[in-house]
Amino acid sequence: MKVIQEGKEIKSTMRVTCKTCKAELEIQAGDLKKNPGEQPFYPTTYSYKCPCCLRTNYLGYSDLTEEIRFELNN
């Protein structure tokens, strides 16, 4: 395939708020750790560690932006 004109850069980041200290953070797919669940009762979750309070926060797959999901699946 030949690229005639390159498209805009897609930012695969999303903003989250730490549930413990309420810090507002911008995370990327590389900041997330996959925590496989036991299907179907416990679905897969993703976690990140807050750099302010060092607590682990969890997100469900449906909580992630489309761009983050794309990065995680590739």
N, C-alpha and C. Protein backbone atom coordinates (compact mmCIF):
# COMPACT_ATOMS: atom_id res chain seq x y z
N MET A 1 0.85 -1.17 0.00
CA MET A 1 0.00 0.00 0.00
C MET A 1 0.90 1.23 0.00
N LYS A 2 0.50 2.23 -0.70
CA LYS A 2 1.26 3.47 -0.78
C LYS A 2 0.54 4.56 0.02
N VAL A 3 1.27 5.22 0.89
CA VAL A 3 0.71 6.31 1.69
C VAL A 3 0.86 7.61 0.89
N ILE A 4 -0.24 8.25 0.61
CA ILE A 4 -0.24 9.51 -0.13
C ILE A 4 0.04 10.67 0.84
N GLN A 5 -0.65 10.68 1.94
CA GLN A 5 -0.45 11.69 2.98
C GLN A 5 -0.65 11.02 4.33
N GLU A 6 0.30 11.22 5.22
CA GLU A 6 0.19 10.60 6.54
C GLU A 6 -0.92 11.27 7.35
N GLY A 7 -1.57 10.46 8.18
CA GLY A 7 -2.62 10.97 9.06
C GLY A 7 -2.04 11.58 10.31
N LYS A 8 -2.91 12.08 11.16
CA LYS A 8 -2.46 12.69 12.41
C LYS A 8 -2.04 11.61 13.40
N GLU A 9 -1.17 11.98 14.33
CA GLU A 9 -0.71 11.05 15.35
C GLU A 9 -1.85 10.77 16.33
N ILE A 10 -2.04 9.51 16.63
CA ILE A 10 -3.10 9.11 17.56
C ILE A 10 -2.48 8.99 18.95
N LYS A 11 -3.02 9.76 19.89
CA LYS A 11 -2.52 9.71 21.26
C LYS A 11 -3.26 8.60 22.00
N SER A 12 -2.51 7.62 22.42
CA SER A 12 -3.12 6.52 23.17
C SER A 12 -2.90 6.73 24.67
N THR A 13 -3.49 7.80 25.16
CA THR A 13 -3.44 8.11 26.58
C THR A 13 -4.87 8.34 27.08
N MET A 14 -5.02 8.22 28.37
CA MET A 14 -6.31 8.54 28.98
C MET A 14 -6.06 9.11 30.37
N ARG A 15 -6.99 9.91 30.83
CA ARG A 15 -6.89 10.50 32.16
C ARG A 15 -7.69 9.68 33.15
N VAL A 16 -7.08 9.47 34.31
CA VAL A 16 -7.72 8.73 35.38
C VAL A 16 -7.51 9.49 36.69
N THR A 17 -8.30 9.15 37.68
CA THR A 17 -8.14 9.73 39.01
C THR A 17 -7.89 8.60 39.99
N CYS A 18 -6.82 8.74 40.78
CA CYS A 18 -6.50 7.74 41.79
C CYS A 18 -7.63 7.70 42.81
N LYS A 19 -8.09 6.51 43.12
CA LYS A 19 -9.21 6.37 44.06
C LYS A 19 -8.80 6.68 45.50
N THR A 20 -7.50 6.60 45.80
CA THR A 20 -7.04 6.84 47.17
C THR A 20 -6.72 8.30 47.43
N CYS A 21 -5.79 8.87 46.64
CA CYS A 21 -5.34 10.24 46.92
C CYS A 21 -5.96 11.28 45.99
N LYS A 22 -6.77 10.84 45.03
CA LYS A 22 -7.48 11.72 44.09
C LYS A 22 -6.55 12.46 43.13
N ALA A 23 -5.32 11.98 42.94
CA ALA A 23 -4.41 12.57 41.97
C ALA A 23 -4.95 12.34 40.57
N GLU A 24 -4.86 13.34 39.71
CA GLU A 24 -5.27 13.20 38.32
C GLU A 24 -4.04 12.77 37.52
N LEU A 25 -4.17 11.67 36.81
CA LEU A 25 -3.04 11.09 36.10
C LEU A 25 -3.38 10.88 34.64
N GLU A 26 -2.35 10.88 33.81
CA GLU A 26 -2.51 10.54 32.40
C GLU A 26 -1.72 9.25 32.20
N ILE A 27 -2.41 8.19 31.79
CA ILE A 27 -1.75 6.89 31.65
C ILE A 27 -1.76 6.45 30.19
N GLN A 28 -0.84 5.54 29.89
CA GLN A 28 -0.74 4.92 28.57
C GLN A 28 -0.87 3.42 28.74
N ALA A 29 -0.98 2.71 27.62
CA ALA A 29 -1.13 1.26 27.67
C ALA A 29 0.04 0.61 28.40
N GLY A 30 1.24 1.15 28.26
CA GLY A 30 2.42 0.60 28.92
C GLY A 30 2.40 0.74 30.43
N ASP A 31 1.55 1.61 30.96
CA ASP A 31 1.44 1.81 32.40
C ASP A 31 0.52 0.76 33.04
N LEU A 32 -0.21 0.03 32.22
CA LEU A 32 -1.20 -0.92 32.73
C LEU A 32 -0.64 -2.34 32.82
N LYS A 33 -1.03 -3.04 33.87
CA LYS A 33 -0.66 -4.44 34.06
C LYS A 33 -1.95 -5.26 33.95
N LYS A 34 -1.89 -6.31 33.13
CA LYS A 34 -3.07 -7.16 32.92
C LYS A 34 -3.21 -8.13 34.09
N ASN A 35 -4.40 -8.21 34.64
CA ASN A 35 -4.71 -9.12 35.74
C ASN A 35 -5.80 -10.07 35.27
N PRO A 36 -5.41 -11.24 34.72
CA PRO A 36 -6.42 -12.16 34.19
C PRO A 36 -7.36 -12.66 35.28
N GLY A 37 -8.62 -12.69 34.95
CA GLY A 37 -9.61 -13.19 35.88
C GLY A 37 -10.02 -14.59 35.49
N GLU A 38 -10.88 -15.16 36.29
CA GLU A 38 -11.42 -16.49 35.99
C GLU A 38 -12.76 -16.30 35.31
N GLN A 39 -12.76 -16.44 34.00
CA GLN A 39 -13.98 -16.22 33.22
C GLN A 39 -15.03 -17.24 33.59
N PRO A 40 -16.30 -16.98 33.54
CA PRO A 40 -16.95 -15.71 33.27
C PRO A 40 -17.22 -14.90 34.52
N PHE A 41 -16.91 -15.45 35.68
CA PHE A 41 -17.29 -14.77 36.92
C PHE A 41 -16.42 -13.56 37.24
N TYR A 42 -15.12 -13.66 36.98
CA TYR A 42 -14.19 -12.57 37.28
C TYR A 42 -13.48 -12.18 36.00
N PRO A 43 -13.93 -11.13 35.34
CA PRO A 43 -13.32 -10.73 34.07
C PRO A 43 -11.91 -10.16 34.27
N THR A 44 -11.19 -10.06 33.19
CA THR A 44 -9.85 -9.48 33.21
C THR A 44 -9.91 -8.02 33.62
N THR A 45 -9.00 -7.62 34.49
CA THR A 45 -8.89 -6.21 34.88
C THR A 45 -7.47 -5.73 34.55
N TYR A 46 -7.31 -4.44 34.59
CA TYR A 46 -6.01 -3.81 34.34
C TYR A 46 -5.71 -2.90 35.52
N SER A 47 -4.45 -2.91 35.96
CA SER A 47 -4.09 -2.10 37.12
C SER A 47 -2.94 -1.16 36.78
N TYR A 48 -2.87 -0.08 37.54
CA TYR A 48 -1.75 0.86 37.45
C TYR A 48 -1.44 1.33 38.86
N LYS A 49 -0.19 1.69 39.09
CA LYS A 49 0.23 2.16 40.40
C LYS A 49 0.33 3.68 40.37
N CYS A 50 -0.33 4.33 41.29
CA CYS A 50 -0.30 5.78 41.40
C CYS A 50 1.09 6.23 41.84
N PRO A 51 1.73 7.14 41.09
CA PRO A 51 3.07 7.60 41.47
C PRO A 51 3.08 8.50 42.71
N CYS A 52 1.92 9.00 43.12
CA CYS A 52 1.85 9.89 44.28
C CYS A 52 1.73 9.12 45.59
N CYS A 53 0.78 8.20 45.66
CA CYS A 53 0.55 7.47 46.91
C CYS A 53 1.00 6.00 46.84
N LEU A 54 1.43 5.57 45.66
CA LEU A 54 1.92 4.21 45.42
C LEU A 54 0.87 3.12 45.61
N ARG A 55 -0.39 3.49 45.55
CA ARG A 55 -1.48 2.52 45.65
C ARG A 55 -1.82 1.97 44.28
N THR A 56 -2.30 0.75 44.24
CA THR A 56 -2.71 0.12 42.99
C THR A 56 -4.18 0.41 42.74
N ASN A 57 -4.49 0.82 41.52
CA ASN A 57 -5.86 1.10 41.10
C ASN A 57 -6.23 0.13 39.98
N TYR A 58 -7.50 -0.23 39.86
CA TYR A 58 -7.95 -1.20 38.88
C TYR A 58 -8.97 -0.60 37.93
N LEU A 59 -8.87 -1.02 36.67
CA LEU A 59 -9.82 -0.61 35.64
C LEU A 59 -10.31 -1.85 34.91
N GLY A 60 -11.58 -1.83 34.53
CA GLY A 60 -12.12 -2.89 33.69
C GLY A 60 -11.85 -2.59 32.23
N TYR A 61 -11.95 -3.58 31.39
CA TYR A 61 -11.71 -3.40 29.96
C TYR A 61 -12.62 -2.33 29.38
N SER A 62 -13.85 -2.29 29.83
CA SER A 62 -14.81 -1.31 29.31
C SER A 62 -14.49 0.11 29.78
N ASP A 63 -13.67 0.26 30.82
CA ASP A 63 -13.27 1.58 31.30
C ASP A 63 -12.20 2.22 30.43
N LEU A 64 -11.52 1.41 29.62
CA LEU A 64 -10.40 1.89 28.81
C LEU A 64 -10.89 2.57 27.54
N THR A 65 -10.11 3.54 27.06
CA THR A 65 -10.45 4.20 25.80
C THR A 65 -10.19 3.25 24.63
N GLU A 66 -10.77 3.53 23.50
CA GLU A 66 -10.59 2.70 22.31
C GLU A 66 -9.12 2.63 21.90
N GLU A 67 -8.41 3.73 22.01
CA GLU A 67 -7.00 3.76 21.63
C GLU A 67 -6.15 2.88 22.55
N ILE A 68 -6.43 2.91 23.85
CA ILE A 68 -5.70 2.07 24.81
C ILE A 68 -6.00 0.60 24.53
N ARG A 69 -7.25 0.27 24.28
CA ARG A 69 -7.61 -1.12 23.96
C ARG A 69 -6.86 -1.62 22.74
N PHE A 70 -6.77 -0.76 21.72
CA PHE A 70 -6.07 -1.11 20.49
C PHE A 70 -4.60 -1.41 20.80
N GLU A 71 -3.95 -0.56 21.59
CA GLU A 71 -2.56 -0.76 21.96
C GLU A 71 -2.37 -2.06 22.75
N LEU A 72 -3.28 -2.36 23.65
CA LEU A 72 -3.17 -3.57 24.46
C LEU A 72 -3.34 -4.84 23.63
N ASN A 73 -4.14 -4.77 22.60
CA ASN A 73 -4.41 -5.95 21.78
C ASN A 73 -3.38 -6.17 20.70
N ASN A 74 -2.47 -5.24 20.50
CA ASN A 74 -1.44 -5.38 19.46
C ASN A 74 -0.06 -5.53 20.05
